[in-house]
PDB file of N, CA and C in Angstrom:
ATOM      1  N   MET A   1      -3.512 165.765   1.011  1.00  0.00           N
ATOM      2  CA  MET A   1      -4.803 165.845   0.964  1.00  0.00           C
ATOM      3  C   MET A   1      -5.585 166.346   2.154  1.00  0.00           C
ATOM      4  N   ASP A   2      -5.966 167.882   2.152  1.00  0.00           N
ATOM      5  CA  ASP A   2      -6.446 168.406   3.192  1.00  0.00           C
ATOM      6  C   ASP A   2      -8.110 168.175   3.132  1.00  0.00           C
ATOM      7  N   VAL A   3      -8.756 167.645   4.192  1.00  0.00           N
ATOM      8  CA  VAL A   3     -10.195 166.959   4.129  1.00  0.00           C
ATOM      9  C   VAL A   3     -10.596 167.772   5.312  1.00  0.00           C
ATOM     10  N   SER A   4      -9.898 168.651   6.054  1.00  0.00           N
ATOM     11  CA  SER A   4     -10.324 169.166   7.177  1.00  0.00           C
ATOM     12  C   SER A   4     -11.827 169.921   7.049  1.00  0.00           C
ATOM     13  N   GLU A   5     -11.796 170.795   5.908  1.00  0.00           N
ATOM     14  CA  GLU A   5     -13.126 171.398   5.607  1.00  0.00           C
ATOM     15  C   GLU A   5     -14.254 170.456   5.384  1.00  0.00           C
ATOM     16  N   VAL A   6     -13.823 169.588   4.574  1.00  0.00           N
ATOM     17  CA  VAL A   6     -15.021 168.339   4.327  1.00  0.00           C
ATOM     18  C   VAL A   6     -15.506 168.014   5.766  1.00  0.00           C
ATOM     19  N   ILE A   7     -14.722 167.538   6.761  1.00  0.00           N
ATOM     20  CA  ILE A   7     -14.752 166.907   7.857  1.00  0.00           C
ATOM     21  C   ILE A   7     -15.899 167.971   8.739  1.00  0.00           C
ATOM     22  N   GLU A   8     -15.324 169.300   8.772  1.00  0.00           N
ATOM     23  CA  GLU A   8     -16.257 170.254   9.455  1.00  0.00           C
ATOM     24  C   GLU A   8     -17.559 170.540   8.763  1.00  0.00           C
ATOM     25  N   LEU A   9     -17.767 170.452   7.434  1.00  0.00           N
ATOM     26  CA  LEU A   9     -19.024 170.332   6.834  1.00  0.00           C
ATOM     27  C   LEU A   9     -19.769 169.125   7.232  1.00  0.00           C
ATOM     28  N   LEU A  10     -19.209 167.835   6.896  1.00  0.00           N
ATOM     29  CA  LEU A  10     -19.886 166.802   7.631  1.00  0.00           C
ATOM     30  C   LEU A  10     -20.515 166.836   8.858  1.00  0.00           C
ATOM     31  N   ALA A  11     -19.752 167.361   9.903  1.00  0.00           N
ATOM     32  CA  ALA A  11     -20.084 167.340  11.310  1.00  0.00           C
ATOM     33  C   ALA A  11     -21.121 168.481  11.247  1.00  0.00           C
ATOM     34  N   SER A  12     -21.114 169.528  10.479  1.00  0.00           N
ATOM     35  CA  SER A  12     -22.243 170.551  10.609  1.00  0.00           C
ATOM     36  C   SER A  12     -23.522 169.706  10.039  1.00  0.00           C
ATOM     37  N   LEU A  13     -23.472 168.781   8.952  1.00  0.00           N
ATOM     38  CA  LEU A  13     -24.728 168.386   8.600  1.00  0.00           C
ATOM     39  C   LEU A  13     -25.230 167.408   9.440  1.00  0.00           C
ATOM     40  N   CYS A  14     -24.181 166.497  10.197  1.00  0.00           N
ATOM     41  CA  CYS A  14     -24.744 165.647  11.200  1.00  0.00           C
ATOM     42  C   CYS A  14     -25.656 166.031  12.206  1.00  0.00           C
ATOM     43  N   GLU A  15     -25.156 167.574  12.633  1.00  0.00           N
ATOM     44  CA  GLU A  15     -25.806 167.870  13.851  1.00  0.00           C
ATOM     45  C   GLU A  15     -27.156 169.004  13.328  1.00  0.00           C
ATOM     46  N   ASP A  16     -27.380 169.008  12.025  1.00  0.00           N
ATOM     47  CA  ASP A  16     -28.608 169.599  11.565  1.00  0.00           C
ATOM     48  C   ASP A  16     -29.664 168.753  11.729  1.00  0.00           C
ATOM     49  N   LYS A  17     -30.708 169.408  12.366  1.00  0.00           N
ATOM     50  CA  LYS A  17     -31.863 168.823  12.843  1.00  0.00           C
ATOM     51  C   LYS A  17     -32.944 168.639  11.747  1.00  0.00           C
ATOM     52  N   THR A  18     -32.854 169.451  10.457  1.00  0.00           N
ATOM     53  CA  THR A  18     -33.822 169.345   9.297  1.00  0.00           C
ATOM     54  C   THR A  18     -33.381 168.100   8.648  1.00  0.00           C
ATOM     55  N   VAL A  19     -32.147 167.369   8.797  1.00  0.00           N
ATOM     56  CA  VAL A  19     -31.618 166.071   7.976  1.00  0.00           C
ATOM     57  C   VAL A  19     -32.591 165.202   8.587  1.00  0.00           C
ATOM     58  N   SER A  20     -33.207 164.193   7.650  1.00  0.00           N
ATOM     59  CA  SER A  20     -33.799 163.159   7.752  1.00  0.00           C
ATOM     60  C   SER A  20     -32.988 162.081   8.536  1.00  0.00           C
ATOM     61  N   LYS A  21     -33.597 160.969   9.233  1.00  0.00           N
ATOM     62  CA  LYS A  21     -32.932 160.057   9.879  1.00  0.00           C
ATOM     63  C   LYS A  21     -31.999 159.420   9.100  1.00  0.00           C
ATOM     64  N   SER A  22     -32.398 158.738   7.764  1.00  0.00           N
ATOM     65  CA  SER A  22     -31.594 157.808   7.018  1.00  0.00           C
ATOM     66  C   SER A  22     -30.441 158.956   6.300  1.00  0.00           C
ATOM     67  N   VAL A  23     -30.632 160.056   6.217  1.00  0.00           N
ATOM     68  CA  VAL A  23     -29.541 160.720   5.448  1.00  0.00           C
ATOM     69  C   VAL A  23     -28.697 161.084   6.528  1.00  0.00           C
ATOM     70  N   HIS A  24     -28.928 161.475   7.845  1.00  0.00           N
ATOM     71  CA  HIS A  24     -28.209 161.746   8.946  1.00  0.00           C
ATOM     72  C   HIS A  24     -27.185 160.352   9.424  1.00  0.00           C
ATOM     73  N   GLU A  25     -27.874 159.123   9.210  1.00  0.00           N
ATOM     74  CA  GLU A  25     -27.326 157.832   9.408  1.00  0.00           C
ATOM     75  C   GLU A  25     -26.026 157.884   8.340  1.00  0.00           C
ATOM     76  N   ALA A  26     -26.293 158.136   6.819  1.00  0.00           N
ATOM     77  CA  ALA A  26     -25.363 158.106   6.022  1.00  0.00           C
ATOM     78  C   ALA A  26     -24.474 159.015   6.059  1.00  0.00           C
ATOM     79  N   LEU A  27     -24.676 160.216   6.664  1.00  0.00           N
ATOM     80  CA  LEU A  27     -23.567 161.143   6.710  1.00  0.00           C
ATOM     81  C   LEU A  27     -22.495 160.953   7.909  1.00  0.00           C
ATOM     82  N   SER A  28     -23.253 160.407   8.844  1.00  0.00           N
ATOM     83  CA  SER A  28     -22.449 159.823  10.027  1.00  0.00           C
ATOM     84  C   SER A  28     -21.359 158.773   9.928  1.00  0.00           C
ATOM     85  N   GLU A  29     -22.104 157.821   9.021  1.00  0.00           N
ATOM     86  CA  GLU A  29     -21.140 156.703   8.454  1.00  0.00           C
ATOM     87  C   GLU A  29     -20.088 157.413   7.655  1.00  0.00           C
ATOM     88  N   ILE A  30     -20.031 158.418   6.959  1.00  0.00           N
ATOM     89  CA  ILE A  30     -19.093 158.845   5.911  1.00  0.00           C
ATOM     90  C   ILE A  30     -18.121 159.673   6.978  1.00  0.00           C
ATOM     91  N   LYS A  31     -18.588 160.391   7.961  1.00  0.00           N
ATOM     92  CA  LYS A  31     -17.832 161.217   8.942  1.00  0.00           C
ATOM     93  C   LYS A  31     -16.967 160.174   9.544  1.00  0.00           C
ATOM     94  N   GLN A  32     -17.265 159.182   9.808  1.00  0.00           N
ATOM     95  CA  GLN A  32     -16.699 158.106  10.895  1.00  0.00           C
ATOM     96  C   GLN A  32     -15.671 157.583  10.092  1.00  0.00           C
ATOM     97  N   ASN A  33     -15.929 157.325   8.709  1.00  0.00           N
ATOM     98  CA  ASN A  33     -14.729 156.751   7.676  1.00  0.00           C
ATOM     99  C   ASN A  33     -13.858 157.630   7.783  1.00  0.00           C
ATOM    100  N   PHE A  34     -14.016 159.078   7.778  1.00  0.00           N
ATOM    101  CA  PHE A  34     -13.114 160.176   7.639  1.00  0.00           C
ATOM    102  C   PHE A  34     -12.209 160.151   9.026  1.00  0.00           C
ATOM    103  N   ASP A  35     -12.912 160.018  10.077  1.00  0.00           N
ATOM    104  CA  ASP A  35     -12.149 159.990  11.328  1.00  0.00           C
ATOM    105  C   ASP A  35     -11.530 158.856  11.604  1.00  0.00           C
ATOM    106  N   SER A  36     -11.614 157.582  10.823  1.00  0.00           N
ATOM    107  CA  SER A  36     -10.851 156.728  11.053  1.00  0.00           C
ATOM    108  C   SER A  36      -9.429 156.622  10.833  1.00  0.00           C
ATOM    109  N   GLU A  37      -8.422 156.147  11.456  1.00  0.00           N
ATOM    110  CA  GLU A  37      -6.950 156.260  11.211  1.00  0.00           C
ATOM    111  C   GLU A  37      -6.811 155.312   9.954  1.00  0.00           C
ATOM    112  N   SER A  38      -7.533 154.125   9.752  1.00  0.00           N
ATOM    113  CA  SER A  38      -7.100 153.202   8.927  1.00  0.00           C
ATOM    114  C   SER A  38      -7.753 153.742   7.480  1.00  0.00           C
ATOM    115  N   GLY A  39      -6.954 153.150   6.493  1.00  0.00           N
ATOM    116  CA  GLY A  39      -7.349 153.248   5.074  1.00  0.00           C
ATOM    117  C   GLY A  39      -6.843 154.544   4.343  1.00  0.00           C
ATOM    118  N   GLU A  40      -6.678 154.768   3.028  1.00  0.00           N
ATOM    119  CA  GLU A  40      -6.269 155.629   2.402  1.00  0.00           C
ATOM    120  C   GLU A  40      -7.420 156.843   2.081  1.00  0.00           C
ATOM    121  N   VAL A  41      -6.846 157.997   2.074  1.00  0.00           N
ATOM    122  CA  VAL A  41      -7.555 159.249   2.148  1.00  0.00           C
ATOM    123  C   VAL A  41      -8.235 159.171   0.646  1.00  0.00           C
ATOM    124  N   GLY A  42      -7.723 158.688  -0.531  1.00  0.00           N
ATOM    125  CA  GLY A  42      -8.296 158.849  -1.771  1.00  0.00           C
ATOM    126  C   GLY A  42      -9.454 157.741  -1.849  1.00  0.00           C
ATOM    127  N   VAL A  43      -9.338 156.664  -1.009  1.00  0.00           N
ATOM    128  CA  VAL A  43     -10.348 155.733  -1.185  1.00  0.00           C
ATOM    129  C   VAL A  43     -11.524 156.304  -0.298  1.00  0.00           C
ATOM    130  N   LYS A  44     -11.306 156.760   0.887  1.00  0.00           N
ATOM    131  CA  LYS A  44     -12.266 157.406   1.435  1.00  0.00           C
ATOM    132  C   LYS A  44     -12.917 158.459   0.879  1.00  0.00           C
ATOM    133  N   VAL A  45     -12.198 159.197   0.010  1.00  0.00           N
ATOM    134  CA  VAL A  45     -12.999 160.452  -0.742  1.00  0.00           C
ATOM    135  C   VAL A  45     -14.034 159.750  -1.657  1.00  0.00           C
ATOM    136  N   ASP A  46     -13.437 158.785  -2.447  1.00  0.00           N
ATOM    137  CA  ASP A  46     -14.043 157.935  -3.505  1.00  0.00           C
ATOM    138  C   ASP A  46     -15.571 157.298  -2.963  1.00  0.00           C
ATOM    139  N   ASP A  47     -15.329 156.872  -1.825  1.00  0.00           N
ATOM    140  CA  ASP A  47     -16.405 156.369  -1.078  1.00  0.00           C
ATOM    141  C   ASP A  47     -17.291 157.463  -0.798  1.00  0.00           C
ATOM    142  N   ALA A  48     -17.003 158.376  -0.254  1.00  0.00           N
ATOM    143  CA  ALA A  48     -17.864 159.473   0.087  1.00  0.00           C
ATOM    144  C   ALA A  48     -18.756 159.897  -1.055  1.00  0.00           C
ATOM    145  N   LEU A  49     -17.850 160.066  -2.193  1.00  0.00           N
ATOM    146  CA  LEU A  49     -18.332 160.860  -3.296  1.00  0.00           C
ATOM    147  C   LEU A  49     -19.605 159.958  -3.759  1.00  0.00           C
ATOM    148  N   ALA A  50     -19.603 158.527  -3.905  1.00  0.00           N
ATOM    149  CA  ALA A  50     -20.476 157.721  -4.365  1.00  0.00           C
ATOM    150  C   ALA A  50     -21.880 157.844  -3.455  1.00  0.00           C
ATOM    151  N   ARG A  51     -21.469 157.871  -2.105  1.00  0.00           N
ATOM    152  CA  ARG A  51     -22.491 157.851  -1.119  1.00  0.00           C
ATOM    153  C   ARG A  51     -23.316 159.061  -1.184  1.00  0.00           C
ATOM    154  N   LEU A  52     -22.681 160.155  -1.581  1.00  0.00           N
ATOM    155  CA  LEU A  52     -23.239 161.472  -1.510  1.00  0.00           C
ATOM    156  C   LEU A  52     -24.175 161.653  -2.995  1.00  0.00           C
ATOM    157  N   GLU A  53     -23.522 161.226  -3.732  1.00  0.00           N
ATOM    158  CA  GLU A  53     -24.454 161.196  -5.373  1.00  0.00           C
ATOM    159  C   GLU A  53     -25.653 160.425  -5.167  1.00  0.00           C
ATOM    160  N   ASP A  54     -25.715 159.341  -4.477  1.00  0.00           N
ATOM    161  CA  ASP A  54     -26.688 158.409  -4.003  1.00  0.00           C
ATOM    162  C   ASP A  54     -27.837 159.435  -3.034  1.00  0.00           C
ATOM    163  N   LEU A  55     -27.300 160.088  -2.006  1.00  0.00           N
ATOM    164  CA  LEU A  55     -28.180 160.804  -1.191  1.00  0.00           C
ATOM    165  C   LEU A  55     -28.774 162.134  -1.795  1.00  0.00           C
ATOM    166  N   SER A  56     -27.925 162.574  -2.826  1.00  0.00           N
ATOM    167  CA  SER A  56     -28.407 164.110  -3.431  1.00  0.00           C
ATOM    168  C   SER A  56     -29.502 163.631  -4.255  1.00  0.00           C
ATOM    169  N   ILE A  57     -29.972 162.588  -4.818  1.00  0.00           N
ATOM    170  CA  ILE A  57     -30.933 162.612  -5.653  1.00  0.00           C
ATOM    171  C   ILE A  57     -32.189 161.739  -4.759  1.00  0.00           C
ATOM    172  N   ASP A  58     -32.174 161.902  -3.582  1.00  0.00           N
ATOM    173  CA  ASP A  58     -33.323 161.658  -2.744  1.00  0.00           C
ATOM    174  C   ASP A  58     -34.372 162.572  -2.945  1.00  0.00           C
ATOM    175  N   PRO A  59     -35.571 162.050  -3.228  1.00  0.00           N
ATOM    176  CA  PRO A  59     -36.773 163.292  -3.855  1.00  0.00           C
ATOM    177  C   PRO A  59     -37.071 163.753  -2.064  1.00  0.00           C
ATOM    178  N   ASN A  60     -36.938 163.312  -0.957  1.00  0.00           N
ATOM    179  CA  ASN A  60     -37.399 164.017  -0.030  1.00  0.00           C
ATOM    180  C   ASN A  60     -36.241 164.676   0.759  1.00  0.00           C
ATOM    181  N   LEU A  61     -35.157 165.157   0.117  1.00  0.00           N
ATOM    182  CA  LEU A  61     -34.400 165.952   0.741  1.00  0.00           C
ATOM    183  C   LEU A  61     -34.605 167.618   0.490  1.00  0.00           C
ATOM    184  N   SER A  62     -34.498 168.197   1.665  1.00  0.00           N
ATOM    185  CA  SER A  62     -34.953 169.523   1.452  1.00  0.00           C
ATOM    186  C   SER A  62     -33.866 170.411   0.648  1.00  0.00           C
ATOM    187  N   ALA A  63     -34.301 171.362   0.226  1.00  0.00           N
ATOM    188  CA  ALA A  63     -33.504 172.092  -1.122  1.00  0.00           C
ATOM    189  C   ALA A  63     -32.191 172.760  -0.383  1.00  0.00           C
ATOM    190  N   ASP A  64     -32.415 173.133   0.922  1.00  0.00           N
ATOM    191  CA  ASP A  64     -31.246 173.453   1.649  1.00  0.00           C
ATOM    192  C   ASP A  64     -29.881 172.501   1.913  1.00  0.00           C
ATOM    193  N   VAL A  65     -30.517 171.137   2.254  1.00  0.00           N
ATOM    194  CA  VAL A  65     -29.678 170.035   2.638  1.00  0.00           C
ATOM    195  C   VAL A  65     -29.125 169.337   1.187  1.00  0.00           C
ATOM    196  N   ARG A  66     -29.917 169.434   0.285  1.00  0.00           N
ATOM    197  CA  ARG A  66     -29.413 169.181  -0.989  1.00  0.00           C
ATOM    198  C   ARG A  66     -28.395 170.153  -1.398  1.00  0.00           C
ATOM    199  N   THR A  67     -28.605 171.242  -1.366  1.00  0.00           N
ATOM    200  CA  THR A  67     -27.339 172.312  -1.584  1.00  0.00           C
ATOM    201  C   THR A  67     -26.258 172.131  -0.619  1.00  0.00           C
ATOM    202  N   LYS A  68     -26.318 171.739   0.621  1.00  0.00           N
ATOM    203  CA  LYS A  68     -25.081 171.478   1.424  1.00  0.00           C
ATOM    204  C   LYS A  68     -24.360 170.476   0.912  1.00  0.00           C
ATOM    205  N   ILE A  69     -25.095 169.097   0.508  1.00  0.00           N
ATOM    206  CA  ILE A  69     -24.622 168.036  -0.001  1.00  0.00           C
ATOM    207  C   ILE A  69     -23.883 168.320  -1.055  1.00  0.00           C
ATOM    208  N   TRP A  70     -24.450 169.042  -2.181  1.00  0.00           N
ATOM    209  CA  TRP A  70     -23.505 169.375  -3.587  1.00  0.00           C
ATOM    210  C   TRP A  70     -22.457 170.034  -3.070  1.00  0.00           C
ATOM    211  N   ASP A  71     -22.263 171.061  -2.221  1.00  0.00           N
ATOM    212  CA  ASP A  71     -21.343 171.694  -1.737  1.00  0.00           C
ATOM    213  C   ASP A  71     -20.376 170.872  -1.226  1.00  0.00           C
ATOM    214  N   LEU A  72     -20.605 169.907  -0.050  1.00  0.00           N
ATOM    215  CA  LEU A  72     -19.666 168.977   0.199  1.00  0.00           C
ATOM    216  C   LEU A  72     -19.224 168.181  -0.917  1.00  0.00           C
ATOM    217  N   THR A  73     -19.847 167.709  -1.867  1.00  0.00           N
ATOM    218  CA  THR A  73     -19.710 167.027  -2.976  1.00  0.00           C
ATOM    219  C   THR A  73     -18.395 167.768  -3.799  1.00  0.00           C
ATOM    220  N   SER A  74     -18.554 168.893  -4.081  1.00  0.00           N
ATOM    221  CA  SER A  74     -17.761 169.803  -4.677  1.00  0.00           C
ATOM    222  C   SER A  74     -16.218 169.994  -4.033  1.00  0.00           C
ATOM    223  N   LYS A  75     -16.081 170.118  -2.406  1.00  0.00           N
ATOM    224  CA  LYS A  75     -15.125 170.135  -1.720  1.00  0.00           C
ATOM    225  C   LYS A  75     -14.281 168.823  -1.881  1.00  0.00           C
ATOM    226  N   LEU A  76     -15.001 167.530  -1.902  1.00  0.00           N
ATOM    227  CA  LEU A  76     -14.342 166.521  -1.867  1.00  0.00           C
ATOM    228  C   LEU A  76     -13.985 166.079  -3.228  1.00  0.00           C
ATOM    229  N   GLU A  77     -14.238 166.779  -4.327  1.00  0.00           N
ATOM    230  CA  GLU A  77     -13.725 166.635  -5.773  1.00  0.00           C
ATOM    231  C   GLU A  77     -12.492 167.391  -5.681  1.00  0.00           C
ATOM    232  N   GLY A  78     -12.719 168.405  -5.029  1.00  0.00           N
ATOM    233  CA  GLY A  78     -11.388 169.335  -5.184  1.00  0.00           C
ATOM    234  C   GLY A  78     -10.239 168.887  -4.323  1.00  0.00           C
ATOM    235  N   ALA A  79     -10.866 168.226  -3.295  1.00  0.00           N
ATOM    236  CA  ALA A  79      -9.758 167.229  -2.376  1.00  0.00           C
ATOM    237  C   ALA A  79      -9.176 166.402  -3.283  1.00  0.00           C
ATOM    238  N   ALA A  80      -9.808 165.648  -3.836  1.00  0.00           N
ATOM    239  CA  ALA A  80      -9.578 164.515  -4.498  1.00  0.00           C
ATOM    240  C   ALA A  80      -8.535 164.893  -5.848  1.00  0.00           C
ATOM    241  N   ASN A  81      -8.590 165.968  -6.325  1.00  0.00           N
ATOM    242  CA  ASN A  81      -8.057 166.570  -7.375  1.00  0.00           C
ATOM    243  C   ASN A  81      -6.791 167.396  -6.748  1.00  0.00           C
ATOM    244  N   GLY A  82      -6.681 167.497  -5.609  1.00  0.00           N
ATOM    245  CA  GLY A  82      -5.353 168.171  -4.919  1.00  0.00           C
ATOM    246  C   GLY A  82      -5.675 169.635  -4.867  1.00  0.00           C
ATOM    247  N   LYS A  83      -6.627 170.216  -5.043  1.00  0.00           N
ATOM    248  CA  LYS A  83      -6.974 171.784  -4.982  1.00  0.00           C
ATOM    249  C   LYS A  83      -7.503 172.147  -3.620  1.00  0.00           C
TER     250      LYS A  83
END
């Protein structure tokens, strides 16, 4: 399972200055989890998907950031399905 594109998108979102502090922290934690050598990739993907679902319903999220989170979710789902 190749998640390099997911990690790149996470890094991009982490550097985005329009992302709120709480969302930035959550995205950073997801990225750190993927950067970690320990644990199965499938478990990391499932954890990330659950956290991103919670983030995507935040009413304070800008439309641009929400769209990027949906894109990230789509890529993660594709990685989980081996696409």
